[in-house]
């Protein structure tokens, strides 16, 4: 319990140093990871059930060679593909937004530095250092959030492409 309190205090100090823009970075990061975890859950838990259902329905068909059967096959693969790729555009958008929100923190931090320079002059480096920290920490946080999402999202997209190809290959057409 004591270490949890220390952890919360260090997070609070980090946010105080980096400015309120870090709350926005945290919100975007949280939303991105919720969606990524949901997609991994779907790909690994829900999709195999859907795939098996589609394959069994295809294998139960007596007609798998006509033009009509090929269109049904294509429609099933397309529907499964749409379900697999659902929310991936939102995830990729959130990944792209992370550095932009960090840059917003840079701008607000530099504004704070310029305000201090206007009010106090350039003679007090400690006051300017707080503003520079406020400028660099959100940028770093946005980049770290972005990088964490980029690696996992690319792995997820690879799993999705593989699942789509596997489904198409498991529905033979003669």
N, C-alpha and C. Protein backbone atom coordinates (compact mmCIF):
# COMPACT_ATOMS: atom_id res chain seq x y z
N UNK A 1 0.83 -1.19 0.00
CA UNK A 1 0.00 0.00 0.00
C UNK A 1 0.87 1.25 0.00
N UNK A 2 1.95 1.18 0.77
CA UNK A 2 2.84 2.34 0.85
C UNK A 2 3.47 2.65 -0.50
N UNK A 3 3.88 1.62 -1.25
CA UNK A 3 4.51 1.84 -2.55
C UNK A 3 3.49 2.36 -3.57
N UNK A 4 2.22 1.99 -3.41
CA UNK A 4 1.18 2.50 -4.29
C UNK A 4 1.00 4.00 -4.09
N UNK A 5 1.07 4.44 -2.87
CA UNK A 5 0.97 5.87 -2.57
C UNK A 5 2.18 6.61 -3.14
N UNK A 6 3.36 6.02 -2.99
CA UNK A 6 4.56 6.63 -3.57
C UNK A 6 4.48 6.71 -5.08
N UNK A 7 3.93 5.65 -5.70
CA UNK A 7 3.76 5.64 -7.15
C UNK A 7 2.82 6.76 -7.58
N UNK A 8 1.69 6.90 -6.88
CA UNK A 8 0.73 7.95 -7.22
C UNK A 8 1.37 9.34 -7.06
N UNK A 9 2.15 9.53 -5.99
CA UNK A 9 2.81 10.82 -5.77
C UNK A 9 3.82 11.11 -6.87
N UNK A 10 4.54 10.10 -7.34
CA UNK A 10 5.51 10.34 -8.41
C UNK A 10 4.79 10.66 -9.73
N UNK A 11 3.66 9.99 -9.98
CA UNK A 11 2.88 10.32 -11.18
C UNK A 11 2.34 11.74 -11.07
N UNK A 12 1.84 12.11 -9.93
CA UNK A 12 1.32 13.47 -9.72
C UNK A 12 2.43 14.52 -9.90
N UNK A 13 3.62 14.23 -9.39
CA UNK A 13 4.75 15.15 -9.57
C UNK A 13 5.14 15.25 -11.04
N UNK A 14 5.12 14.12 -11.75
CA UNK A 14 5.43 14.11 -13.18
C UNK A 14 4.43 14.98 -13.95
N UNK A 15 3.16 14.83 -13.63
CA UNK A 15 2.13 15.63 -14.31
C UNK A 15 2.28 17.10 -13.95
N UNK A 16 2.61 17.39 -12.70
CA UNK A 16 2.80 18.79 -12.30
C UNK A 16 3.99 19.40 -13.05
N UNK A 17 5.04 18.63 -13.25
CA UNK A 17 6.21 19.12 -13.98
C UNK A 17 5.90 19.30 -15.46
N UNK A 18 5.15 18.38 -16.03
CA UNK A 18 4.87 18.41 -17.46
C UNK A 18 3.68 19.24 -17.86
N UNK A 19 2.85 19.60 -16.93
CA UNK A 19 1.69 20.42 -17.25
C UNK A 19 0.43 19.61 -17.49
N UNK A 20 -0.67 20.30 -17.59
CA UNK A 20 -1.98 19.65 -17.69
C UNK A 20 -2.18 18.94 -19.04
N UNK A 21 -1.36 19.22 -20.02
CA UNK A 21 -1.47 18.53 -21.31
C UNK A 21 -1.22 17.04 -21.13
N UNK A 22 -0.48 16.66 -20.09
CA UNK A 22 -0.23 15.25 -19.84
C UNK A 22 -1.52 14.49 -19.54
N UNK A 23 -2.53 15.16 -19.02
CA UNK A 23 -3.83 14.50 -18.82
C UNK A 23 -4.43 14.10 -20.16
N UNK A 24 -4.27 14.95 -21.15
CA UNK A 24 -4.79 14.64 -22.49
C UNK A 24 -4.00 13.47 -23.09
N UNK A 25 -2.67 13.50 -22.92
CA UNK A 25 -1.84 12.38 -23.40
C UNK A 25 -2.28 11.09 -22.72
N UNK A 26 -2.52 11.15 -21.42
CA UNK A 26 -2.94 9.96 -20.68
C UNK A 26 -4.29 9.46 -21.16
N UNK A 27 -5.21 10.37 -21.44
CA UNK A 27 -6.53 9.96 -21.94
C UNK A 27 -6.42 9.29 -23.30
N UNK A 28 -5.65 9.89 -24.20
CA UNK A 28 -5.48 9.31 -25.54
C UNK A 28 -4.80 7.95 -25.43
N UNK A 29 -3.78 7.86 -24.59
CA UNK A 29 -3.08 6.59 -24.38
C UNK A 29 -4.02 5.53 -23.83
N UNK A 30 -4.83 5.90 -22.86
CA UNK A 30 -5.78 4.95 -22.26
C UNK A 30 -6.78 4.46 -23.31
N UNK A 31 -7.36 5.38 -24.07
CA UNK A 31 -8.34 5.00 -25.10
C UNK A 31 -7.68 4.08 -26.14
N UNK A 32 -6.47 4.42 -26.55
CA UNK A 32 -5.75 3.62 -27.54
C UNK A 32 -5.54 2.20 -27.03
N UNK A 33 -5.09 2.05 -25.79
CA UNK A 33 -4.81 0.72 -25.26
C UNK A 33 -6.08 -0.08 -24.99
N UNK A 34 -7.15 0.58 -24.61
CA UNK A 34 -8.42 -0.13 -24.45
C UNK A 34 -8.84 -0.73 -25.79
N UNK A 35 -8.73 0.05 -26.85
CA UNK A 35 -9.10 -0.45 -28.18
C UNK A 35 -8.15 -1.55 -28.66
N UNK A 36 -6.86 -1.40 -28.41
CA UNK A 36 -5.89 -2.42 -28.81
C UNK A 36 -6.17 -3.73 -28.08
N UNK A 37 -6.42 -3.66 -26.79
CA UNK A 37 -6.71 -4.88 -26.02
C UNK A 37 -8.00 -5.52 -26.51
N UNK A 38 -9.00 -4.70 -26.82
CA UNK A 38 -10.26 -5.23 -27.34
C UNK A 38 -10.05 -5.95 -28.66
N UNK A 39 -9.23 -5.36 -29.55
CA UNK A 39 -8.97 -6.00 -30.84
C UNK A 39 -8.20 -7.31 -30.67
N UNK A 40 -7.20 -7.34 -29.77
CA UNK A 40 -6.49 -8.58 -29.52
C UNK A 40 -7.44 -9.64 -28.96
N UNK A 41 -8.33 -9.23 -28.09
CA UNK A 41 -9.32 -10.15 -27.54
C UNK A 41 -10.19 -10.72 -28.67
N UNK A 42 -10.65 -9.83 -29.55
CA UNK A 42 -11.49 -10.30 -30.65
C UNK A 42 -10.73 -11.26 -31.55
N UNK A 43 -9.51 -10.92 -31.92
CA UNK A 43 -8.74 -11.74 -32.85
C UNK A 43 -8.40 -13.10 -32.25
N UNK A 44 -8.12 -13.15 -30.96
CA UNK A 44 -7.69 -14.41 -30.36
C UNK A 44 -8.83 -15.21 -29.74
N UNK A 45 -9.93 -14.59 -29.36
CA UNK A 45 -11.02 -15.30 -28.69
C UNK A 45 -12.30 -15.40 -29.52
N UNK A 46 -12.78 -14.29 -30.02
CA UNK A 46 -14.07 -14.27 -30.70
C UNK A 46 -13.97 -14.68 -32.16
N UNK A 47 -12.95 -14.23 -32.84
CA UNK A 47 -12.83 -14.51 -34.27
C UNK A 47 -12.71 -16.01 -34.58
N UNK A 48 -11.93 -16.80 -33.83
CA UNK A 48 -11.87 -18.23 -34.17
C UNK A 48 -13.24 -18.91 -34.19
N UNK A 49 -14.14 -18.49 -33.31
CA UNK A 49 -15.50 -19.04 -33.31
C UNK A 49 -16.21 -18.65 -34.60
N UNK A 50 -16.08 -17.38 -34.99
CA UNK A 50 -16.69 -16.90 -36.23
C UNK A 50 -16.10 -17.63 -37.43
N UNK A 51 -14.77 -17.77 -37.46
CA UNK A 51 -14.10 -18.47 -38.56
C UNK A 51 -14.59 -19.90 -38.69
N UNK A 52 -14.66 -20.61 -37.57
CA UNK A 52 -15.12 -22.01 -37.60
C UNK A 52 -16.55 -22.11 -38.09
N UNK A 53 -17.37 -21.15 -37.72
CA UNK A 53 -18.77 -21.14 -38.17
C UNK A 53 -18.83 -20.94 -39.70
N UNK A 54 -18.05 -20.01 -40.20
CA UNK A 54 -18.04 -19.75 -41.64
C UNK A 54 -17.53 -20.97 -42.40
N UNK A 55 -16.45 -21.57 -41.91
CA UNK A 55 -15.88 -22.74 -42.59
C UNK A 55 -16.87 -23.90 -42.58
N UNK A 56 -17.53 -24.11 -41.44
CA UNK A 56 -18.49 -25.24 -41.39
C UNK A 56 -19.69 -24.98 -42.30
N UNK A 57 -20.14 -23.72 -42.37
CA UNK A 57 -21.24 -23.40 -43.29
C UNK A 57 -20.82 -23.60 -44.74
N UNK A 58 -19.59 -23.24 -45.06
CA UNK A 58 -19.09 -23.42 -46.42
C UNK A 58 -18.98 -24.91 -46.76
N UNK A 59 -18.44 -25.68 -45.83
CA UNK A 59 -18.28 -27.11 -46.07
C UNK A 59 -19.63 -27.84 -46.14
N UNK A 60 -20.65 -27.28 -45.51
CA UNK A 60 -21.98 -27.89 -45.54
C UNK A 60 -22.72 -27.60 -46.85
N UNK A 61 -22.23 -26.65 -47.61
CA UNK A 61 -22.87 -26.31 -48.89
C UNK A 61 -22.64 -27.42 -49.91
N UNK A 62 -23.66 -27.66 -50.69
CA UNK A 62 -23.49 -28.64 -51.77
C UNK A 62 -22.88 -27.99 -53.00
N UNK A 63 -23.17 -26.70 -53.17
CA UNK A 63 -22.65 -25.97 -54.33
C UNK A 63 -21.52 -25.05 -53.88
N UNK A 64 -20.31 -25.37 -54.29
CA UNK A 64 -19.17 -24.50 -53.98
C UNK A 64 -18.44 -24.07 -55.25
N UNK A 65 -19.02 -24.34 -56.41
CA UNK A 65 -18.31 -24.06 -57.65
C UNK A 65 -18.99 -23.02 -58.52
N UNK A 66 -20.25 -22.73 -58.29
CA UNK A 66 -20.97 -21.80 -59.18
C UNK A 66 -20.54 -20.36 -58.91
N UNK A 67 -20.92 -19.50 -59.82
CA UNK A 67 -20.66 -18.07 -59.66
C UNK A 67 -21.32 -17.57 -58.39
N UNK A 68 -22.54 -18.00 -58.14
CA UNK A 68 -23.29 -17.61 -56.95
C UNK A 68 -22.55 -18.04 -55.68
N UNK A 69 -22.03 -19.26 -55.66
CA UNK A 69 -21.28 -19.76 -54.50
C UNK A 69 -20.01 -18.94 -54.27
N UNK A 70 -19.35 -18.56 -55.36
CA UNK A 70 -18.14 -17.74 -55.22
C UNK A 70 -18.47 -16.37 -54.62
N UNK A 71 -19.61 -15.81 -55.00
CA UNK A 71 -20.02 -14.51 -54.45
C UNK A 71 -20.36 -14.63 -52.97
N UNK A 72 -20.99 -15.74 -52.59
CA UNK A 72 -21.28 -15.97 -51.16
C UNK A 72 -19.97 -16.09 -50.39
N UNK A 73 -19.03 -16.85 -50.94
CA UNK A 73 -17.71 -17.01 -50.30
C UNK A 73 -17.04 -15.66 -50.13
N UNK A 74 -17.02 -14.86 -51.21
CA UNK A 74 -16.40 -13.54 -51.15
C UNK A 74 -17.07 -12.64 -50.12
N UNK A 75 -18.40 -12.73 -50.03
CA UNK A 75 -19.14 -11.91 -49.06
C UNK A 75 -18.78 -12.33 -47.63
N UNK A 76 -18.69 -13.64 -47.37
CA UNK A 76 -18.34 -14.10 -46.03
C UNK A 76 -16.92 -13.67 -45.64
N UNK A 77 -16.01 -13.78 -46.58
CA UNK A 77 -14.62 -13.35 -46.30
C UNK A 77 -14.60 -11.84 -46.06
N UNK A 78 -15.36 -11.11 -46.85
CA UNK A 78 -15.41 -9.65 -46.70
C UNK A 78 -16.02 -9.25 -45.35
N UNK A 79 -17.09 -9.91 -44.94
CA UNK A 79 -17.71 -9.61 -43.64
C UNK A 79 -16.74 -9.91 -42.49
N UNK A 80 -16.07 -11.05 -42.57
CA UNK A 80 -15.09 -11.40 -41.53
C UNK A 80 -13.94 -10.40 -41.52
N UNK A 81 -13.51 -9.98 -42.69
CA UNK A 81 -12.44 -8.99 -42.80
C UNK A 81 -12.87 -7.66 -42.17
N UNK A 82 -14.10 -7.26 -42.43
CA UNK A 82 -14.61 -6.01 -41.85
C UNK A 82 -14.66 -6.10 -40.32
N UNK A 83 -15.07 -7.25 -39.81
CA UNK A 83 -15.11 -7.40 -38.35
C UNK A 83 -13.71 -7.42 -37.75
N UNK A 84 -12.76 -8.01 -38.46
CA UNK A 84 -11.38 -8.05 -37.96
C UNK A 84 -10.73 -6.67 -37.95
N UNK A 85 -10.97 -5.89 -38.99
CA UNK A 85 -10.29 -4.59 -39.11
C UNK A 85 -11.06 -3.47 -38.43
N UNK A 86 -12.20 -3.81 -37.86
CA UNK A 86 -13.00 -2.81 -37.16
C UNK A 86 -12.17 -2.12 -36.07
N UNK A 87 -12.28 -0.83 -35.98
CA UNK A 87 -11.59 0.02 -34.99
C UNK A 87 -10.09 0.20 -35.24
N UNK A 88 -9.52 -0.44 -36.25
CA UNK A 88 -8.09 -0.26 -36.51
C UNK A 88 -7.78 1.16 -36.96
N UNK A 89 -8.70 1.77 -37.72
CA UNK A 89 -8.47 3.17 -38.13
C UNK A 89 -8.47 4.10 -36.92
N UNK A 90 -9.34 3.83 -35.95
CA UNK A 90 -9.37 4.65 -34.74
C UNK A 90 -8.07 4.47 -33.96
N UNK A 91 -7.60 3.23 -33.85
CA UNK A 91 -6.34 2.97 -33.15
C UNK A 91 -5.19 3.70 -33.83
N UNK A 92 -5.11 3.60 -35.15
CA UNK A 92 -4.02 4.27 -35.87
C UNK A 92 -4.13 5.79 -35.76
N UNK A 93 -5.35 6.31 -35.71
CA UNK A 93 -5.52 7.76 -35.52
C UNK A 93 -5.06 8.18 -34.14
N UNK A 94 -5.41 7.41 -33.11
CA UNK A 94 -4.96 7.74 -31.76
C UNK A 94 -3.44 7.67 -31.65
N UNK A 95 -2.84 6.71 -32.33
CA UNK A 95 -1.37 6.61 -32.35
C UNK A 95 -0.78 7.88 -32.96
N UNK A 96 -1.38 8.35 -34.05
CA UNK A 96 -0.87 9.55 -34.72
C UNK A 96 -1.13 10.81 -33.91
N UNK A 97 -2.17 10.80 -33.08
CA UNK A 97 -2.53 11.98 -32.29
C UNK A 97 -1.58 12.17 -31.10
N UNK A 98 -1.05 11.07 -30.57
CA UNK A 98 -0.18 11.16 -29.38
C UNK A 98 0.96 12.17 -29.51
N UNK A 99 1.77 12.12 -30.57
CA UNK A 99 2.84 13.13 -30.67
C UNK A 99 2.30 14.55 -30.85
N UNK A 100 1.15 14.67 -31.50
CA UNK A 100 0.57 16.00 -31.70
C UNK A 100 0.15 16.61 -30.36
N UNK A 101 -0.43 15.79 -29.50
CA UNK A 101 -0.80 16.29 -28.17
C UNK A 101 0.46 16.65 -27.39
N UNK A 102 1.50 15.84 -27.53
CA UNK A 102 2.78 16.17 -26.90
C UNK A 102 3.34 17.50 -27.39
N UNK A 103 3.19 17.75 -28.68
CA UNK A 103 3.65 19.04 -29.22
C UNK A 103 2.81 20.20 -28.70
N UNK A 104 1.54 19.93 -28.44
CA UNK A 104 0.71 20.95 -27.80
C UNK A 104 1.30 21.32 -26.44
N UNK A 105 1.79 20.31 -25.72
CA UNK A 105 2.46 20.57 -24.44
C UNK A 105 3.73 21.38 -24.62
N UNK A 106 4.44 21.14 -25.72
CA UNK A 106 5.64 21.92 -26.01
C UNK A 106 5.29 23.39 -26.21
N UNK A 107 4.24 23.61 -26.96
CA UNK A 107 3.82 25.00 -27.21
C UNK A 107 3.40 25.69 -25.92
N UNK A 108 2.60 25.01 -25.10
CA UNK A 108 2.16 25.64 -23.85
C UNK A 108 3.34 25.86 -22.90
N UNK A 109 4.30 24.92 -22.89
CA UNK A 109 5.49 25.11 -22.05
C UNK A 109 6.34 26.27 -22.52
N UNK A 110 6.49 26.42 -23.83
CA UNK A 110 7.28 27.55 -24.34
C UNK A 110 6.58 28.88 -24.08
N UNK A 111 5.27 28.87 -24.14
CA UNK A 111 4.53 30.09 -23.80
C UNK A 111 4.80 30.46 -22.35
N UNK A 112 4.84 29.44 -21.45
CA UNK A 112 5.15 29.71 -20.05
C UNK A 112 6.56 30.29 -19.91
N UNK A 113 7.52 29.78 -20.67
CA UNK A 113 8.89 30.30 -20.63
C UNK A 113 8.91 31.76 -21.08
N UNK A 114 8.20 32.06 -22.16
CA UNK A 114 8.18 33.44 -22.66
C UNK A 114 7.47 34.38 -21.69
N UNK A 115 6.45 33.89 -21.02
CA UNK A 115 5.79 34.72 -20.00
C UNK A 115 6.74 35.04 -18.86
N UNK A 116 7.49 34.03 -18.42
CA UNK A 116 8.46 34.24 -17.34
C UNK A 116 9.54 35.22 -17.79
N UNK A 117 9.99 35.06 -19.03
CA UNK A 117 11.01 35.98 -19.54
C UNK A 117 10.47 37.40 -19.62
N UNK A 118 9.20 37.54 -19.99
CA UNK A 118 8.61 38.87 -20.10
C UNK A 118 8.43 39.51 -18.72
N UNK A 119 8.07 38.71 -17.73
CA UNK A 119 7.82 39.26 -16.40
C UNK A 119 9.08 39.41 -15.57
N UNK A 120 9.97 38.41 -15.62
CA UNK A 120 11.12 38.39 -14.73
C UNK A 120 12.44 38.72 -15.44
N UNK A 121 12.42 38.71 -16.76
CA UNK A 121 13.66 38.88 -17.50
C UNK A 121 14.34 37.53 -17.68
N UNK A 122 15.52 37.54 -18.26
CA UNK A 122 16.21 36.28 -18.53
C UNK A 122 17.23 35.95 -17.45
N UNK A 123 17.20 36.68 -16.35
CA UNK A 123 18.22 36.48 -15.32
C UNK A 123 17.95 35.35 -14.36
N UNK A 124 16.78 34.75 -14.39
CA UNK A 124 16.46 33.69 -13.44
C UNK A 124 16.31 32.35 -14.17
N UNK A 125 17.39 31.60 -14.25
CA UNK A 125 17.33 30.34 -15.00
C UNK A 125 16.42 29.28 -14.36
N UNK A 126 16.23 29.33 -13.03
CA UNK A 126 15.36 28.33 -12.38
C UNK A 126 13.92 28.47 -12.83
N UNK A 127 13.46 29.70 -12.96
CA UNK A 127 12.09 29.91 -13.42
C UNK A 127 11.93 29.46 -14.87
N UNK A 128 12.93 29.72 -15.68
CA UNK A 128 12.87 29.30 -17.08
C UNK A 128 12.94 27.78 -17.20
N UNK A 129 13.69 27.12 -16.31
CA UNK A 129 13.83 25.66 -16.36
C UNK A 129 12.49 24.96 -16.16
N UNK A 130 11.64 25.51 -15.30
CA UNK A 130 10.32 24.91 -15.08
C UNK A 130 9.50 24.95 -16.37
N UNK A 131 9.57 26.05 -17.08
CA UNK A 131 8.84 26.15 -18.34
C UNK A 131 9.41 25.24 -19.41
N UNK A 132 10.73 25.10 -19.43
CA UNK A 132 11.36 24.20 -20.41
C UNK A 132 10.99 22.75 -20.10
N UNK A 133 10.94 22.39 -18.81
CA UNK A 133 10.47 21.05 -18.45
C UNK A 133 9.04 20.84 -18.91
N UNK A 134 8.23 21.87 -18.73
CA UNK A 134 6.84 21.80 -19.16
C UNK A 134 6.75 21.66 -20.67
N UNK A 135 7.78 22.10 -21.36
CA UNK A 135 7.78 22.01 -22.82
C UNK A 135 8.28 20.65 -23.32
N UNK A 136 9.23 20.06 -22.62
CA UNK A 136 9.83 18.82 -23.13
C UNK A 136 9.15 17.55 -22.64
N UNK A 137 8.64 17.54 -21.43
CA UNK A 137 8.04 16.33 -20.87
C UNK A 137 6.80 15.87 -21.66
N UNK A 138 5.87 16.76 -22.01
CA UNK A 138 4.73 16.28 -22.81
C UNK A 138 5.14 15.73 -24.18
N UNK A 139 6.14 16.33 -24.78
CA UNK A 139 6.62 15.82 -26.07
C UNK A 139 7.16 14.41 -25.90
N UNK A 140 7.96 14.20 -24.88
CA UNK A 140 8.49 12.87 -24.61
C UNK A 140 7.35 11.89 -24.31
N UNK A 141 6.40 12.29 -23.50
CA UNK A 141 5.29 11.41 -23.15
C UNK A 141 4.46 11.05 -24.38
N UNK A 142 4.23 12.02 -25.24
CA UNK A 142 3.48 11.76 -26.47
C UNK A 142 4.22 10.81 -27.39
N UNK A 143 5.53 10.96 -27.49
CA UNK A 143 6.32 10.07 -28.34
C UNK A 143 6.36 8.65 -27.77
N UNK A 144 6.52 8.51 -26.46
CA UNK A 144 6.53 7.18 -25.84
C UNK A 144 5.18 6.51 -26.02
N UNK A 145 4.10 7.27 -25.84
CA UNK A 145 2.75 6.71 -26.04
C UNK A 145 2.58 6.26 -27.49
N UNK A 146 3.03 7.07 -28.41
CA UNK A 146 2.94 6.75 -29.84
C UNK A 146 3.72 5.48 -30.15
N UNK A 147 4.96 5.41 -29.68
CA UNK A 147 5.80 4.24 -29.97
C UNK A 147 5.23 2.96 -29.38
N UNK A 148 4.66 3.05 -28.18
CA UNK A 148 4.08 1.85 -27.59
C UNK A 148 2.92 1.34 -28.44
N UNK A 149 2.15 2.25 -29.00
CA UNK A 149 1.04 1.85 -29.85
C UNK A 149 1.47 1.37 -31.22
N UNK A 150 2.51 1.97 -31.78
CA UNK A 150 2.96 1.61 -33.13
C UNK A 150 3.39 0.15 -33.18
N UNK A 151 4.20 -0.27 -32.24
CA UNK A 151 4.70 -1.63 -32.26
C UNK A 151 3.58 -2.65 -32.09
N UNK A 152 2.70 -2.40 -31.15
CA UNK A 152 1.63 -3.36 -30.88
C UNK A 152 0.60 -3.35 -32.01
N UNK A 153 0.29 -2.18 -32.55
CA UNK A 153 -0.68 -2.10 -33.65
C UNK A 153 -0.15 -2.79 -34.90
N UNK A 154 1.14 -2.67 -35.17
CA UNK A 154 1.68 -3.35 -36.35
C UNK A 154 1.63 -4.87 -36.16
N UNK A 155 1.88 -5.34 -34.96
CA UNK A 155 1.74 -6.77 -34.66
C UNK A 155 0.29 -7.21 -34.84
N UNK A 156 -0.63 -6.40 -34.36
CA UNK A 156 -2.06 -6.69 -34.48
C UNK A 156 -2.49 -6.71 -35.94
N UNK A 157 -2.03 -5.75 -36.73
CA UNK A 157 -2.38 -5.72 -38.15
C UNK A 157 -1.83 -6.95 -38.88
N UNK A 158 -0.65 -7.41 -38.49
CA UNK A 158 -0.11 -8.64 -39.08
C UNK A 158 -0.96 -9.85 -38.75
N UNK A 159 -1.43 -9.93 -37.51
CA UNK A 159 -2.31 -11.04 -37.11
C UNK A 159 -3.62 -10.98 -37.89
N UNK A 160 -4.13 -9.79 -38.10
CA UNK A 160 -5.41 -9.63 -38.82
C UNK A 160 -5.24 -10.04 -40.28
N UNK A 161 -4.19 -9.58 -40.94
CA UNK A 161 -3.95 -9.96 -42.34
C UNK A 161 -3.78 -11.46 -42.47
N UNK A 162 -3.06 -12.05 -41.55
CA UNK A 162 -2.86 -13.49 -41.56
C UNK A 162 -4.19 -14.22 -41.38
N UNK A 163 -5.03 -13.73 -40.49
CA UNK A 163 -6.33 -14.37 -40.25
C UNK A 163 -7.23 -14.27 -41.48
N UNK A 164 -7.19 -13.14 -42.17
CA UNK A 164 -8.01 -12.97 -43.37
C UNK A 164 -7.54 -13.94 -44.47
N UNK A 165 -6.24 -14.04 -44.69
CA UNK A 165 -5.71 -14.95 -45.70
C UNK A 165 -6.00 -16.41 -45.33
N UNK A 166 -5.87 -16.72 -44.06
CA UNK A 166 -6.14 -18.08 -43.60
C UNK A 166 -7.60 -18.45 -43.84
N UNK A 167 -8.51 -17.51 -43.59
CA UNK A 167 -9.94 -17.78 -43.83
C UNK A 167 -10.19 -18.00 -45.31
N UNK A 168 -9.65 -17.13 -46.14
CA UNK A 168 -9.85 -17.27 -47.58
C UNK A 168 -9.29 -18.60 -48.09
N UNK A 169 -8.14 -19.01 -47.55
CA UNK A 169 -7.56 -20.28 -47.98
C UNK A 169 -8.34 -21.49 -47.48
N UNK A 170 -9.04 -21.34 -46.35
CA UNK A 170 -9.77 -22.48 -45.80
C UNK A 170 -11.16 -22.65 -46.42
N UNK A 171 -11.52 -21.76 -47.34
CA UNK A 171 -12.78 -21.88 -48.07
C UNK A 171 -12.45 -22.17 -49.52
N UNK A 172 -12.14 -23.43 -49.83
CA UNK A 172 -11.70 -23.74 -51.20
C UNK A 172 -12.83 -23.55 -52.21
N UNK A 173 -12.44 -23.06 -53.34
CA UNK A 173 -13.40 -22.95 -54.46
C UNK A 173 -12.79 -23.68 -55.64
N UNK A 174 -13.59 -24.47 -56.26
CA UNK A 174 -13.10 -25.34 -57.33
C UNK A 174 -13.37 -24.76 -58.68
